[in-house]
N, C-alpha and C. Protein backbone atom coordinates (compact mmCIF):
# COMPACT_ATOMS: atom_id res chain seq x y z
N MET A 1 14.37 48.94 11.44
CA MET A 1 15.56 48.21 11.80
C MET A 1 15.26 47.14 12.85
N ARG A 2 14.50 47.54 13.89
CA ARG A 2 14.15 46.58 14.93
C ARG A 2 13.30 45.44 14.36
N LEU A 3 12.38 45.78 13.47
CA LEU A 3 11.53 44.76 12.87
C LEU A 3 12.37 43.75 12.09
N GLY A 4 13.38 44.22 11.38
CA GLY A 4 14.27 43.34 10.63
C GLY A 4 15.02 42.38 11.53
N ILE A 5 15.50 42.90 12.66
CA ILE A 5 16.23 42.06 13.62
C ILE A 5 15.29 41.02 14.22
N ILE A 6 14.08 41.44 14.58
CA ILE A 6 13.11 40.51 15.16
C ILE A 6 12.75 39.43 14.15
N LEU A 7 12.57 39.80 12.89
CA LEU A 7 12.24 38.81 11.86
C LEU A 7 13.39 37.83 11.64
N CYS A 8 14.62 38.31 11.66
CA CYS A 8 15.78 37.43 11.50
C CYS A 8 15.89 36.45 12.66
N ILE A 9 15.71 36.92 13.88
CA ILE A 9 15.76 36.04 15.05
C ILE A 9 14.65 35.00 14.97
N GLY A 10 13.45 35.42 14.58
CA GLY A 10 12.34 34.49 14.43
C GLY A 10 12.61 33.45 13.36
N LEU A 11 13.19 33.86 12.25
CA LEU A 11 13.50 32.94 11.17
C LEU A 11 14.55 31.92 11.60
N PHE A 12 15.62 32.37 12.25
CA PHE A 12 16.65 31.46 12.71
C PHE A 12 16.12 30.50 13.77
N THR A 13 15.25 30.97 14.65
CA THR A 13 14.65 30.10 15.66
C THR A 13 13.79 29.04 15.00
N TRP A 14 12.97 29.43 14.04
CA TRP A 14 12.11 28.48 13.33
C TRP A 14 12.94 27.45 12.57
N CYS A 15 13.97 27.88 11.89
CA CYS A 15 14.83 26.96 11.14
C CYS A 15 15.55 26.00 12.07
N GLY A 16 15.99 26.47 13.20
CA GLY A 16 16.67 25.61 14.16
C GLY A 16 15.77 24.55 14.74
N CYS A 17 14.49 24.83 14.87
CA CYS A 17 13.55 23.86 15.42
C CYS A 17 13.06 22.87 14.38
N SER A 18 13.19 23.18 13.12
CA SER A 18 12.61 22.33 12.09
C SER A 18 13.64 21.50 11.33
N ILE A 19 14.90 21.52 11.74
CA ILE A 19 15.94 20.77 11.05
C ILE A 19 15.90 19.32 11.50
N GLU A 20 16.07 18.42 10.53
CA GLU A 20 16.10 17.00 10.85
C GLU A 20 17.36 16.65 11.65
N ASP A 21 17.27 15.55 12.37
CA ASP A 21 18.43 15.03 13.09
C ASP A 21 19.50 14.60 12.09
N GLU A 22 20.77 14.71 12.48
CA GLU A 22 21.85 14.35 11.56
C GLU A 22 21.87 12.85 11.25
N ARG A 23 21.25 12.03 12.09
CA ARG A 23 21.16 10.59 11.82
C ARG A 23 19.92 10.23 11.02
N ALA A 24 19.17 11.19 10.55
CA ALA A 24 17.96 10.91 9.78
C ALA A 24 18.28 10.12 8.52
N ARG A 25 19.47 10.32 7.97
CA ARG A 25 19.86 9.58 6.76
C ARG A 25 20.12 8.10 7.03
N ASP A 26 20.18 7.72 8.31
CA ASP A 26 20.36 6.32 8.68
C ASP A 26 19.07 5.52 8.55
N PHE A 27 17.97 6.19 8.23
CA PHE A 27 16.66 5.54 8.22
C PHE A 27 15.95 5.75 6.89
N SER A 28 15.20 4.73 6.52
CA SER A 28 14.28 4.83 5.40
C SER A 28 12.89 5.07 6.01
N LEU A 29 12.15 6.00 5.45
CA LEU A 29 10.86 6.40 6.01
C LEU A 29 9.78 6.27 4.95
N ASP A 30 8.72 5.53 5.27
CA ASP A 30 7.59 5.34 4.36
C ASP A 30 6.31 5.58 5.15
N TYR A 31 5.44 6.44 4.64
CA TYR A 31 4.20 6.75 5.35
C TYR A 31 3.09 7.09 4.38
N ASP A 32 1.84 7.05 4.89
CA ASP A 32 0.68 7.31 4.05
C ASP A 32 -0.43 7.90 4.91
N LEU A 33 -1.19 8.81 4.33
CA LEU A 33 -2.37 9.39 4.97
C LEU A 33 -3.59 8.67 4.41
N SER A 34 -4.40 8.08 5.28
CA SER A 34 -5.57 7.33 4.81
C SER A 34 -6.73 7.54 5.79
N TYR A 35 -7.90 7.06 5.39
CA TYR A 35 -9.08 7.15 6.26
C TYR A 35 -9.03 6.06 7.31
N ALA A 36 -9.36 6.43 8.55
CA ALA A 36 -9.40 5.48 9.65
C ALA A 36 -10.69 4.67 9.57
N LEU A 37 -10.70 3.54 10.23
CA LEU A 37 -11.83 2.62 10.17
C LEU A 37 -13.10 3.24 10.74
N PHE A 38 -13.00 3.97 11.84
CA PHE A 38 -14.18 4.53 12.50
C PHE A 38 -14.24 6.05 12.39
N GLY A 39 -13.90 6.61 11.26
CA GLY A 39 -13.95 8.05 11.04
C GLY A 39 -12.62 8.71 11.27
N GLY A 40 -12.47 9.88 10.71
CA GLY A 40 -11.21 10.59 10.81
C GLY A 40 -10.21 10.06 9.81
N LYS A 41 -9.01 10.52 9.93
CA LYS A 41 -7.91 10.06 9.09
C LYS A 41 -6.77 9.63 9.99
N LYS A 42 -5.82 8.91 9.40
CA LYS A 42 -4.67 8.46 10.17
C LYS A 42 -3.42 8.51 9.30
N VAL A 43 -2.30 8.72 9.96
CA VAL A 43 -1.00 8.65 9.32
C VAL A 43 -0.37 7.35 9.80
N GLU A 44 -0.10 6.45 8.87
CA GLU A 44 0.55 5.18 9.20
C GLU A 44 1.86 5.10 8.45
N GLY A 45 2.86 4.54 9.09
CA GLY A 45 4.13 4.43 8.40
C GLY A 45 5.08 3.47 9.06
N THR A 46 6.23 3.34 8.43
CA THR A 46 7.28 2.44 8.88
C THR A 46 8.62 3.13 8.72
N ILE A 47 9.48 2.98 9.72
CA ILE A 47 10.87 3.40 9.58
C ILE A 47 11.73 2.14 9.55
N THR A 48 12.80 2.19 8.76
CA THR A 48 13.74 1.09 8.66
C THR A 48 15.14 1.63 8.90
N ASN A 49 15.86 1.00 9.81
CA ASN A 49 17.24 1.41 10.08
C ASN A 49 18.12 0.81 9.00
N ILE A 50 18.73 1.65 8.17
CA ILE A 50 19.57 1.16 7.08
C ILE A 50 21.06 1.30 7.39
N SER A 51 21.38 1.68 8.63
CA SER A 51 22.79 1.80 9.02
C SER A 51 23.12 0.70 10.02
N SER A 52 24.39 0.57 10.33
CA SER A 52 24.82 -0.44 11.31
C SER A 52 24.71 0.08 12.75
N ASN A 53 24.36 1.34 12.92
CA ASN A 53 24.22 1.92 14.26
C ASN A 53 22.80 1.73 14.77
N PRO A 54 22.62 1.05 15.91
CA PRO A 54 21.25 0.90 16.44
C PRO A 54 20.74 2.21 17.02
N ALA A 55 19.43 2.30 17.09
CA ALA A 55 18.78 3.48 17.69
C ALA A 55 17.83 3.00 18.77
N ASN A 56 17.91 3.58 19.96
CA ASN A 56 17.04 3.19 21.07
C ASN A 56 15.71 3.93 21.05
N THR A 57 15.74 5.16 20.60
CA THR A 57 14.54 5.99 20.54
C THR A 57 14.59 6.84 19.28
N VAL A 58 13.48 6.88 18.56
CA VAL A 58 13.38 7.72 17.37
C VAL A 58 12.14 8.58 17.54
N THR A 59 12.30 9.89 17.41
CA THR A 59 11.18 10.82 17.50
C THR A 59 10.90 11.39 16.11
N LEU A 60 9.65 11.28 15.69
CA LEU A 60 9.21 11.78 14.39
C LEU A 60 8.39 13.04 14.57
N LYS A 61 8.58 14.01 13.71
CA LYS A 61 7.77 15.21 13.69
C LYS A 61 6.83 15.11 12.49
N ILE A 62 5.53 15.25 12.73
CA ILE A 62 4.54 15.14 11.67
C ILE A 62 3.90 16.51 11.48
N ASP A 63 4.19 17.14 10.33
CA ASP A 63 3.57 18.42 9.98
C ASP A 63 2.25 18.13 9.29
N ILE A 64 1.18 18.77 9.77
CA ILE A 64 -0.18 18.50 9.30
C ILE A 64 -0.74 19.75 8.65
N ASP A 65 -1.18 19.64 7.40
CA ASP A 65 -1.82 20.74 6.69
C ASP A 65 -3.32 20.45 6.58
N TYR A 66 -4.14 21.44 6.95
CA TYR A 66 -5.59 21.29 6.91
C TYR A 66 -6.17 21.96 5.68
N GLU A 67 -7.41 21.58 5.35
CA GLU A 67 -8.09 22.11 4.16
C GLU A 67 -8.27 23.62 4.22
N GLN A 68 -8.46 24.19 5.40
CA GLN A 68 -8.69 25.63 5.54
C GLN A 68 -7.42 26.44 5.36
N GLY A 69 -6.30 25.79 5.18
CA GLY A 69 -5.04 26.50 5.00
C GLY A 69 -4.22 26.60 6.26
N SER A 70 -4.75 26.18 7.39
CA SER A 70 -3.98 26.22 8.63
C SER A 70 -3.09 24.98 8.72
N CYS A 71 -2.14 25.03 9.64
CA CYS A 71 -1.23 23.89 9.80
C CYS A 71 -0.93 23.68 11.27
N ASP A 72 -0.44 22.50 11.58
CA ASP A 72 -0.13 22.09 12.93
C ASP A 72 0.97 21.04 12.87
N TYR A 73 1.44 20.60 13.99
CA TYR A 73 2.42 19.52 14.01
C TYR A 73 2.22 18.70 15.27
N ASP A 74 2.72 17.47 15.22
CA ASP A 74 2.66 16.57 16.37
C ASP A 74 3.91 15.70 16.35
N TYR A 75 4.22 15.11 17.48
CA TYR A 75 5.39 14.25 17.59
C TYR A 75 4.96 12.83 17.92
N VAL A 76 5.66 11.86 17.34
CA VAL A 76 5.47 10.45 17.66
C VAL A 76 6.84 9.91 18.05
N THR A 77 6.91 9.25 19.20
CA THR A 77 8.18 8.68 19.67
C THR A 77 8.10 7.16 19.62
N ILE A 78 9.09 6.57 19.00
CA ILE A 78 9.19 5.11 18.92
C ILE A 78 10.23 4.70 19.95
N ASN A 79 9.76 4.06 21.02
CA ASN A 79 10.63 3.68 22.15
C ASN A 79 11.01 2.21 22.07
N GLU A 80 11.64 1.81 21.01
CA GLU A 80 12.15 0.46 20.91
C GLU A 80 13.48 0.51 20.17
N THR A 81 14.36 -0.42 20.48
CA THR A 81 15.65 -0.45 19.83
C THR A 81 15.49 -0.97 18.41
N VAL A 82 15.98 -0.19 17.46
CA VAL A 82 15.88 -0.54 16.05
C VAL A 82 17.31 -0.80 15.54
N TYR A 83 17.59 -2.07 15.27
CA TYR A 83 18.91 -2.46 14.78
C TYR A 83 18.95 -2.37 13.26
N GLN A 84 20.09 -2.69 12.67
CA GLN A 84 20.24 -2.63 11.22
C GLN A 84 19.20 -3.53 10.55
N ASN A 85 18.52 -2.98 9.55
CA ASN A 85 17.47 -3.62 8.76
C ASN A 85 16.20 -3.94 9.54
N ASP A 86 16.10 -3.50 10.81
CA ASP A 86 14.86 -3.66 11.57
C ASP A 86 13.88 -2.56 11.18
N GLN A 87 12.60 -2.87 11.35
CA GLN A 87 11.55 -1.90 11.06
C GLN A 87 10.73 -1.63 12.32
N ALA A 88 10.18 -0.43 12.39
CA ALA A 88 9.26 -0.05 13.46
C ALA A 88 8.10 0.70 12.83
N ASP A 89 6.89 0.39 13.27
CA ASP A 89 5.68 1.01 12.73
C ASP A 89 5.25 2.16 13.62
N PHE A 90 4.55 3.12 13.02
CA PHE A 90 3.96 4.21 13.79
C PHE A 90 2.60 4.56 13.20
N CYS A 91 1.75 5.15 14.03
CA CYS A 91 0.41 5.54 13.60
C CYS A 91 -0.04 6.75 14.42
N LEU A 92 -0.69 7.69 13.78
CA LEU A 92 -1.22 8.87 14.45
C LEU A 92 -2.57 9.21 13.85
N ASN A 93 -3.60 9.33 14.69
CA ASN A 93 -4.92 9.75 14.23
C ASN A 93 -4.94 11.25 14.08
N VAL A 94 -5.49 11.73 12.95
CA VAL A 94 -5.58 13.15 12.67
C VAL A 94 -7.02 13.49 12.28
N ALA A 95 -7.31 14.76 12.13
CA ALA A 95 -8.66 15.23 11.85
C ALA A 95 -9.10 14.89 10.42
N ASP A 96 -10.43 14.87 10.23
CA ASP A 96 -11.01 14.66 8.89
C ASP A 96 -10.56 15.71 7.90
N SER A 97 -10.34 16.92 8.38
CA SER A 97 -10.01 18.03 7.50
C SER A 97 -8.53 18.07 7.10
N THR A 98 -7.76 17.05 7.48
CA THR A 98 -6.34 16.98 7.13
C THR A 98 -6.20 16.77 5.63
N GLU A 99 -5.45 17.64 5.00
CA GLU A 99 -5.24 17.57 3.55
C GLU A 99 -3.96 16.84 3.20
N SER A 100 -2.88 17.10 3.94
CA SER A 100 -1.61 16.43 3.68
C SER A 100 -0.76 16.41 4.94
N VAL A 101 0.23 15.53 4.95
CA VAL A 101 1.16 15.43 6.07
C VAL A 101 2.57 15.30 5.53
N TYR A 102 3.53 15.70 6.34
CA TYR A 102 4.94 15.56 6.00
C TYR A 102 5.66 15.07 7.26
N VAL A 103 6.31 13.92 7.18
CA VAL A 103 6.95 13.31 8.34
C VAL A 103 8.47 13.44 8.21
N THR A 104 9.10 13.91 9.28
CA THR A 104 10.56 14.00 9.33
C THR A 104 11.06 13.34 10.61
N ILE A 105 12.30 12.91 10.58
CA ILE A 105 12.91 12.33 11.78
C ILE A 105 13.54 13.48 12.56
N ASN A 106 12.99 13.74 13.73
CA ASN A 106 13.38 14.90 14.51
C ASN A 106 14.54 14.61 15.46
N ASN A 107 14.57 13.41 16.03
CA ASN A 107 15.61 13.10 17.01
C ASN A 107 15.87 11.60 17.03
N VAL A 108 17.14 11.21 17.10
CA VAL A 108 17.54 9.81 17.20
C VAL A 108 18.50 9.68 18.36
N GLU A 109 18.23 8.72 19.24
CA GLU A 109 19.12 8.48 20.38
C GLU A 109 19.57 7.04 20.37
């Protein structure tokens, strides 16, 4: 019984931390995982504000899956005002062993 309660609390905590911001639909997100010029890999992308509401800060959560089956995450914050139809670029260097990435908009202010 205790194990079930602990698992439920853990699941709800994990789900609460991984949900996208409600304004995530205000943005178009395009990204790609590629090899960096001097070794390693990088995640490069662009966000576009498709709503009439400007955003002063956008925080992206990047989930990283490695070849060995392990996973990690990192955050990238874009600290510039993004108005309607404006674009902002982001880039994050990751390890050679990175197999795939998934980018979500975590917070919009």
